[in-house]
Amino acid sequence: MGRTRDLSTIGALARAWAGSAVAVWACVALAPSVVRGQGGLGAAGGPGPDWGGAPAVPAGVSLEELVDRLGSAVYAQRESAMAQLRNRWGLRVAEIAQAMERPGLSAEQLVRLEQIAFEVYMRTPRGAMGVQFQNFNAQLNVDPEELRIVQVSDGFPAKNVLQPDDVILGIDGHEVQRRSLEGALRPRVISRDPGEVIQVTVRRSGERVTLPVELGSWETFDRNRALVSGPLSDQDLAQGWQVRREGLPQAGVQLPVGELDSELASRSPGRQISRELAAGGFGKALGVDAGGEPSSKAGERTGMEGQLRWGQGRAAVVVRGQIDIRDQFWRNRGQPRNFIRDLEDPGLTDPASAKGVLMRLKNQLSELVAERRDVWQNLNNSVLAGGATTEASKRLLSRLDEEIMSLRTELAVVDARLRQIIEAEGDKR
């Protein structure tokens, strides 16, 4: 790629951590949905580095046929259909959600489809309205609860629907406020795919109106804003998935990501987190047992094993009344900040230098994400047009995935160092 690391120490730390932050919370959130080592998840929009082990999707096999095969009495056929869905180019979360509405699907079919929906959600661009809001300022008498639009970005369908001074009140019937911007509005938008239409309720000229708004891509919005707030965080994606999952037919146990997130962030890798799996609560678990067959159990000692791959990192989860996270590559978004408290790096000694490094990394990440999106789109269009994928294109995607994951980790590390410096400056005062 020709780019240089700003700090070799940070680069080494980043590479050691890269590859499994989302994989861990994904495993915990979807523990009943067991992945038995097929395929990988890419960092920003496509299959990851592990391209082997799964058959290519035969020409003419429809999504409906593959869903039927997920209900086959033969385990190998179910696994084959799962692999083909995982490697199906152009598949969208909305399509999977529609397939899950089919009557007569077994619990295992629903669990497997939910897993595929999660993987597609993680590897494809997320939706965005392309709007920016007025900053809260007490001196300007701005209502601290208002989400008042000040600008709608060019290139987004919302440009023709929403207007400056519109105040957003709700999304798809759910009320939103400024104080819940990160917890309500953003997750409800990024939970959807670009091209999907959401119903946005606004106050315009004193009247309450609901308008259909087609979503654009968050990646485009991020680039237009020069990455002012950075890429979507793992927490953003986790919250968005929780919202998306609300609309999917449920077939298994759900361990709440939001509740686990804060608990995970305060613990070290490899520690056990107690959680009772009692009947009537989280006691019913559904998945695939150690023999590879569907299993449904209930009670305090509900158990299930599995493995989920994320790039070259792996996270293994066992649910047995206690959730034992065994992952040597584990990286929670809050963990780097705790880890580098004692790191004294002479290259970052003041806020200005740290901010400079942070901005350079953000610019590099923006370029990589844009390049990755273009490669993915060209490859996807080729496949949809009946062309063949090339090993060179796959290797390029894999390399870009690794670079993006490494850069995102470096951003977290530098951001942590910046916070540490600012805290130290505050103590001196």
Foldseek 3Di string as FASTA:
>chain_A
DPDDAPDPVLLVVLLLQFWPALVQLVCQQLVLQFDADAWAFFQAAATADPPDDADEADPPQDPLNLLVQCPDPDLVSVNNSLSHLLHPFPDALVVLQVSLPDPPRDLSSQSSSLSSSLRNLRRRFFWDQQWQADDDDVVVVDDQWWRFTQDHDPPFQCVVPDDGRWTWQDKQPHGGTNVCCLPHVLLQRRLHHQQDWIWTWTQDPNDIDIDIGGTHGVLVSCVVVLNPPHDDDSVSSLSNVVVNCVSHDDRFAGDRSVVVQVVVLVDDAQDKDADFCAPPHRFWGWHAAPVRHIDIGGGRQDWHWHWHGTHPFIWIWIDGSIIGTHGSSHDHLNNLLVVCLVPDDPQDQALVSLVVSLSVLRNVLSVLSVVLVVLSVVQSVCVVVPHDDDPVSSVVNNVSSSVNSSSVSSNSNSVSVSVSNVVVVVVVD
